[in-house]
């Protein structure tokens, strides 16, 4: 086994395409990061294969901040310590949706329940004829695999190439990492291999992350810089970071070592 890096920070996004939140620990389960993308808005104008409203169509979604009403219940499954103490492989019980209700702070500072019709109307502004329906899922409603990883070295390299100080949050990763190699795009070498992060969590890295308009959007202003995507297309096959599937569930923390298992 070889140490290849450490966790720099952990993030989740309770509502798809809205602002993320930094975590001091994350339970990574088969369905993804606990509490990640539990909610999304189905758009009547979206294709059947990807039926969500996102920042691609409504850039200001990034300025809405979801907050769990019961943050302790949203940290990790309540019976996780008991399940882990009984032996390897026991799957803990996730909280009911009644315990994982989210409120959303709007850009104007108003706080609305996730199912408030006023929030729906705000998200529809400027989208003629679009109807939105709230979706809820215990499985993270991610674009692809349940865990996304990108190195700070990759973010720094793209900042250098674009002559722009790119905020890492543009890439909306679950896990930001510092690589021992110091090499930009070094995470690409993990595709087809399994990483252990922290004491238990094992993640199979299955593919590189093909990027879209979302990385062009400033996380604080929602303003677009299309050159970021053009650069990635020209120089890096439109890919940055990697996707993983969880093989062994576990809790991870900033500073945890990342080890290649095979």
Protein backbone atom coordinates (compact mmCIF):
# COMPACT_ATOMS: atom_id res chain seq x y z
CA UNK A 1 0.00 0.00 0.00
CA UNK A 2 1.22 3.47 -0.88
CA UNK A 3 0.18 6.83 0.55
CA UNK A 4 -0.64 9.06 -2.41
CA UNK A 5 -2.11 12.09 -0.70
CA UNK A 6 -4.36 13.46 1.99
CA UNK A 7 -7.82 14.98 2.23
CA UNK A 8 -7.71 18.78 2.02
CA UNK A 9 -11.45 19.40 2.52
CA UNK A 10 -14.86 17.73 2.30
CA UNK A 11 -18.01 19.14 0.74
CA UNK A 12 -21.62 18.24 0.08
CA UNK A 13 -24.48 19.86 -1.80
CA UNK A 14 -27.86 19.17 -0.14
CA UNK A 15 -29.76 20.56 -3.16
CA UNK A 16 -28.49 19.83 -6.63
CA UNK A 17 -26.85 22.92 -8.20
CA UNK A 18 -27.24 25.07 -5.09
CA UNK A 19 -24.38 26.23 -2.87
CA UNK A 20 -22.31 23.56 -1.12
CA UNK A 21 -21.24 23.31 2.49
CA UNK A 22 -17.84 22.37 3.91
CA UNK A 23 -17.82 19.48 6.38
CA UNK A 24 -15.58 18.57 9.31
CA UNK A 25 -16.38 14.91 8.63
CA UNK A 26 -18.33 12.99 6.01
CA UNK A 27 -19.90 9.55 6.10
CA UNK A 28 -19.35 8.07 2.66
CA UNK A 29 -21.90 5.38 1.93
CA UNK A 30 -22.79 3.28 -1.08
CA UNK A 31 -25.29 5.97 -2.09
CA UNK A 32 -22.71 8.76 -1.79
CA UNK A 33 -21.82 11.36 0.82
CA UNK A 34 -24.45 11.39 3.57
CA UNK A 35 -26.79 14.32 2.98
CA UNK A 36 -25.46 15.06 -0.49
CA UNK A 37 -27.89 16.06 -3.26
CA UNK A 38 -30.91 14.66 -1.45
CA UNK A 39 -33.04 17.20 -3.28
CA UNK A 40 -33.26 18.36 -6.87
CA UNK A 41 -35.77 20.17 -9.05
CA UNK A 42 -37.23 18.31 -12.00
CA UNK A 43 -37.61 20.61 -15.00
CA UNK A 44 -40.31 20.13 -17.60
CA UNK A 45 -37.88 21.55 -20.19
CA UNK A 46 -35.02 19.13 -19.42
CA UNK A 47 -34.29 15.93 -21.38
CA UNK A 48 -35.56 12.65 -19.91
CA UNK A 49 -32.05 11.34 -19.39
CA UNK A 50 -31.10 14.35 -17.24
CA UNK A 51 -34.36 15.88 -16.04
CA UNK A 52 -33.02 18.43 -13.56
CA UNK A 53 -32.89 22.20 -13.35
CA UNK A 54 -29.23 23.17 -12.77
CA UNK A 55 -26.95 26.16 -12.92
CA UNK A 56 -26.51 25.49 -16.61
CA UNK A 57 -29.98 26.94 -17.19
CA UNK A 58 -30.45 29.04 -14.05
CA UNK A 59 -27.04 30.37 -13.02
CA UNK A 60 -28.36 32.05 -9.88
CA UNK A 61 -29.10 28.64 -8.35
CA UNK A 62 -25.51 28.74 -7.08
CA UNK A 63 -26.42 31.69 -4.87
CA UNK A 64 -29.13 29.79 -2.96
CA UNK A 65 -27.79 28.22 0.27
CA UNK A 66 -29.45 25.05 1.63
CA UNK A 67 -29.36 24.50 5.41
CA UNK A 68 -30.48 21.35 7.24
CA UNK A 69 -32.99 22.12 10.00
CA UNK A 70 -31.56 19.29 12.10
CA UNK A 71 -27.82 19.44 11.36
CA UNK A 72 -26.88 16.70 13.83
CA UNK A 73 -29.25 14.23 12.16
CA UNK A 74 -27.71 15.14 8.81
CA UNK A 75 -24.12 14.46 9.89
CA UNK A 76 -24.24 10.65 9.68
CA UNK A 77 -26.58 7.71 10.34
CA UNK A 78 -27.66 7.69 13.98
CA UNK A 79 -26.78 4.01 14.50
CA UNK A 80 -23.42 4.17 12.72
CA UNK A 81 -21.25 3.53 15.84
CA UNK A 82 -23.36 0.50 16.77
CA UNK A 83 -23.30 -0.89 13.23
CA UNK A 84 -19.52 -0.51 12.97
CA UNK A 85 -18.97 -2.07 16.39
CA UNK A 86 -20.83 -5.24 15.36
CA UNK A 87 -18.44 -6.02 12.54
CA UNK A 88 -17.42 -5.23 9.02
CA UNK A 89 -20.03 -4.75 6.34
CA UNK A 90 -23.12 -3.80 8.36
CA UNK A 91 -25.05 -1.05 6.60
CA UNK A 92 -26.35 1.68 8.95
CA UNK A 93 -29.89 3.04 8.80
CA UNK A 94 -30.36 6.42 7.14
CA UNK A 95 -32.56 9.07 8.73
CA UNK A 96 -36.10 9.58 7.53
CA UNK A 97 -36.76 12.54 5.25
CA UNK A 98 -38.73 14.19 8.05
CA UNK A 99 -35.40 14.50 9.88
CA UNK A 100 -33.52 15.75 6.80
CA UNK A 101 -35.67 18.73 5.90
CA UNK A 102 -33.78 21.56 4.25
CA UNK A 103 -34.46 25.28 4.31
CA UNK A 104 -32.98 27.49 1.60
CA UNK A 105 -31.58 30.99 2.04
CA UNK A 106 -32.30 33.00 -1.10
CA UNK A 107 -29.87 35.56 -2.57
CA UNK A 108 -32.14 38.25 -1.07
CA UNK A 109 -31.71 36.79 2.42
CA UNK A 110 -35.15 35.20 2.78
CA UNK A 111 -35.31 31.72 4.29
CA UNK A 112 -37.80 29.34 2.67
CA UNK A 113 -38.61 25.67 3.16
CA UNK A 114 -37.38 23.49 0.32
CA UNK A 115 -41.00 22.70 -0.62
CA UNK A 116 -42.28 26.30 -0.36
CA UNK A 117 -44.04 27.25 -3.64
CA UNK A 118 -42.36 30.65 -3.46
CA UNK A 119 -38.96 29.00 -3.85
CA UNK A 120 -40.25 27.17 -6.89
CA UNK A 121 -41.42 30.46 -8.41
CA UNK A 122 -38.09 32.17 -7.73
CA UNK A 123 -36.19 29.39 -9.46
CA UNK A 124 -38.49 29.68 -12.48
CA UNK A 125 -37.78 33.38 -13.00
CA UNK A 126 -36.68 34.02 -16.56
CA UNK A 127 -37.50 30.47 -17.66
CA UNK A 128 -40.64 30.88 -19.73
CA UNK A 129 -43.03 27.95 -19.63
CA UNK A 130 -40.87 25.81 -17.34
CA UNK A 131 -42.55 23.86 -14.58
CA UNK A 132 -40.53 22.57 -11.62
CA UNK A 133 -41.24 19.62 -9.33
CA UNK A 134 -39.27 18.91 -6.17
CA UNK A 135 -37.52 15.53 -6.10
CA UNK A 136 -36.27 13.74 -2.97
CA UNK A 137 -33.93 10.76 -2.90
CA UNK A 138 -31.80 8.87 -0.37
CA UNK A 139 -29.45 8.16 -3.27
CA UNK A 140 -27.35 11.22 -4.05
CA UNK A 141 -28.71 12.74 -7.27
CA UNK A 142 -25.24 13.21 -8.71
CA UNK A 143 -24.46 13.62 -12.41
CA UNK A 144 -22.56 10.33 -12.53
CA UNK A 145 -20.86 8.33 -9.74
CA UNK A 146 -21.58 9.11 -6.09
CA UNK A 147 -18.16 10.53 -5.12
CA UNK A 148 -16.13 13.13 -7.02
CA UNK A 149 -12.48 13.87 -6.27
CA UNK A 150 -10.16 16.56 -7.56
CA UNK A 151 -6.68 17.60 -6.49
CA UNK A 152 -5.68 21.13 -5.58
CA UNK A 153 -2.75 20.66 -7.94
CA UNK A 154 -5.20 20.32 -10.83
CA UNK A 155 -7.10 23.44 -9.76
CA UNK A 156 -3.84 25.40 -9.47
CA UNK A 157 -2.69 24.24 -12.90
CA UNK A 158 -5.94 25.34 -14.50
CA UNK A 159 -5.64 28.69 -12.73
CA UNK A 160 -2.18 29.08 -14.21
CA UNK A 161 -3.24 28.06 -17.70
CA UNK A 162 -6.27 30.35 -17.69
CA UNK A 163 -4.46 33.26 -15.99
CA UNK A 164 -7.41 33.33 -13.58
CA UNK A 165 -7.47 32.63 -9.84
CA UNK A 166 -9.98 29.78 -9.98
CA UNK A 167 -11.84 29.04 -6.76
CA UNK A 168 -11.76 25.27 -6.17
CA UNK A 169 -15.50 25.39 -5.41
CA UNK A 170 -16.19 25.78 -9.13
CA UNK A 171 -15.50 22.05 -9.46
CA UNK A 172 -18.12 21.03 -6.84
CA UNK A 173 -16.16 18.00 -5.67
CA UNK A 174 -16.98 15.77 -2.72
CA UNK A 175 -13.31 15.44 -1.76
CA UNK A 176 -10.52 17.89 -2.49
CA UNK A 177 -7.09 16.33 -2.10
CA UNK A 178 -3.42 17.23 -1.84
CA UNK A 179 -1.32 14.77 -3.84
CA UNK A 180 2.04 13.52 -2.59
CA UNK A 181 3.33 13.67 -6.15
CA UNK A 182 2.52 17.35 -6.49
CA UNK A 183 1.45 16.64 -10.07
CA UNK A 184 -1.52 18.36 -11.66
CA UNK A 185 -4.05 15.83 -13.00
CA UNK A 186 -2.23 13.18 -10.95
CA UNK A 187 -5.60 11.84 -9.80
CA UNK A 188 -6.10 10.52 -13.33
CA UNK A 189 -3.58 7.79 -12.47
CA UNK A 190 -6.05 6.34 -9.96
CA UNK A 191 -8.64 5.36 -12.59
CA UNK A 192 -9.09 1.59 -12.41
CA UNK A 193 -7.63 1.45 -8.90
CA UNK A 194 -9.05 1.48 -5.38
CA UNK A 195 -8.30 4.12 -2.77
CA UNK A 196 -8.74 3.84 0.97
CA UNK A 197 -9.45 7.18 2.58
CA UNK A 198 -9.10 7.30 6.33
CA UNK A 199 -9.55 4.17 8.42
CA UNK A 200 -12.32 2.39 6.50
CA UNK A 201 -13.73 4.00 3.38
CA UNK A 202 -12.68 2.31 0.13
CA UNK A 203 -13.50 3.95 -3.19
CA UNK A 204 -13.01 2.47 -6.65
CA UNK A 205 -11.99 5.21 -9.08
CA UNK A 206 -13.88 4.42 -12.25
CA UNK A 207 -13.49 7.32 -14.66
CA UNK A 208 -12.30 10.86 -15.28
CA UNK A 209 -14.82 13.64 -14.74
CA UNK A 210 -16.13 15.20 -17.96
CA UNK A 211 -16.92 18.83 -17.22
CA UNK A 212 -19.67 21.22 -18.29
CA UNK A 213 -20.73 24.85 -17.96
CA UNK A 214 -20.86 24.58 -14.15
CA UNK A 215 -17.10 25.11 -13.83
CA UNK A 216 -17.39 28.42 -15.66
CA UNK A 217 -19.58 29.89 -12.89
CA UNK A 218 -18.07 31.87 -10.04
CA UNK A 219 -19.42 30.30 -6.81
CA UNK A 220 -19.88 33.68 -5.13
CA UNK A 221 -21.40 35.69 -7.99
CA UNK A 222 -22.71 33.05 -10.45
CA UNK A 223 -21.05 35.05 -13.25
CA UNK A 224 -19.80 32.91 -16.14
CA UNK A 225 -16.31 32.81 -17.60
CA UNK A 226 -16.67 30.62 -20.73
CA UNK A 227 -12.91 30.61 -21.32
CA UNK A 228 -12.48 28.15 -18.44
CA UNK A 229 -14.47 25.51 -20.32
CA UNK A 230 -12.84 26.35 -23.65
CA UNK A 231 -9.40 25.92 -22.09
CA UNK A 232 -10.32 22.57 -20.57
CA UNK A 233 -11.63 21.39 -23.94
CA UNK A 234 -8.51 22.47 -25.80
CA UNK A 235 -5.93 21.19 -23.36
CA UNK A 236 -7.49 18.42 -21.25
CA UNK A 237 -10.25 16.67 -23.23
CA UNK A 238 -12.83 18.60 -21.15
CA UNK A 239 -11.90 16.49 -18.11
CA UNK A 240 -10.75 17.47 -14.62
CA UNK A 241 -10.95 15.27 -11.52
CA UNK A 242 -12.26 11.72 -11.17
CA UNK A 243 -15.38 9.84 -10.13
CA UNK A 244 -15.52 6.99 -7.64
CA UNK A 245 -17.90 4.27 -6.48
CA UNK A 246 -17.92 3.31 -2.79
CA UNK A 247 -16.87 -0.27 -2.05
CA UNK A 248 -16.59 -0.01 1.75
CA UNK A 249 -18.52 2.62 3.70
CA UNK A 250 -16.77 4.80 6.24
CA UNK A 251 -16.29 8.22 7.78
CA UNK A 252 -13.54 10.47 6.48
CA UNK A 253 -12.03 13.70 7.77
CA UNK A 254 -9.82 16.51 6.51
CA UNK A 255 -6.21 15.44 6.88
CA UNK A 256 -6.94 11.73 6.40
CA UNK A 257 -4.36 9.81 4.40
CA UNK A 258 -5.26 8.43 1.00
CA UNK A 259 -3.77 5.02 0.21
CA UNK A 260 -3.77 3.03 -3.02
CA UNK A 261 -4.92 -0.52 -2.24
CA UNK A 262 -4.23 -2.13 -5.65
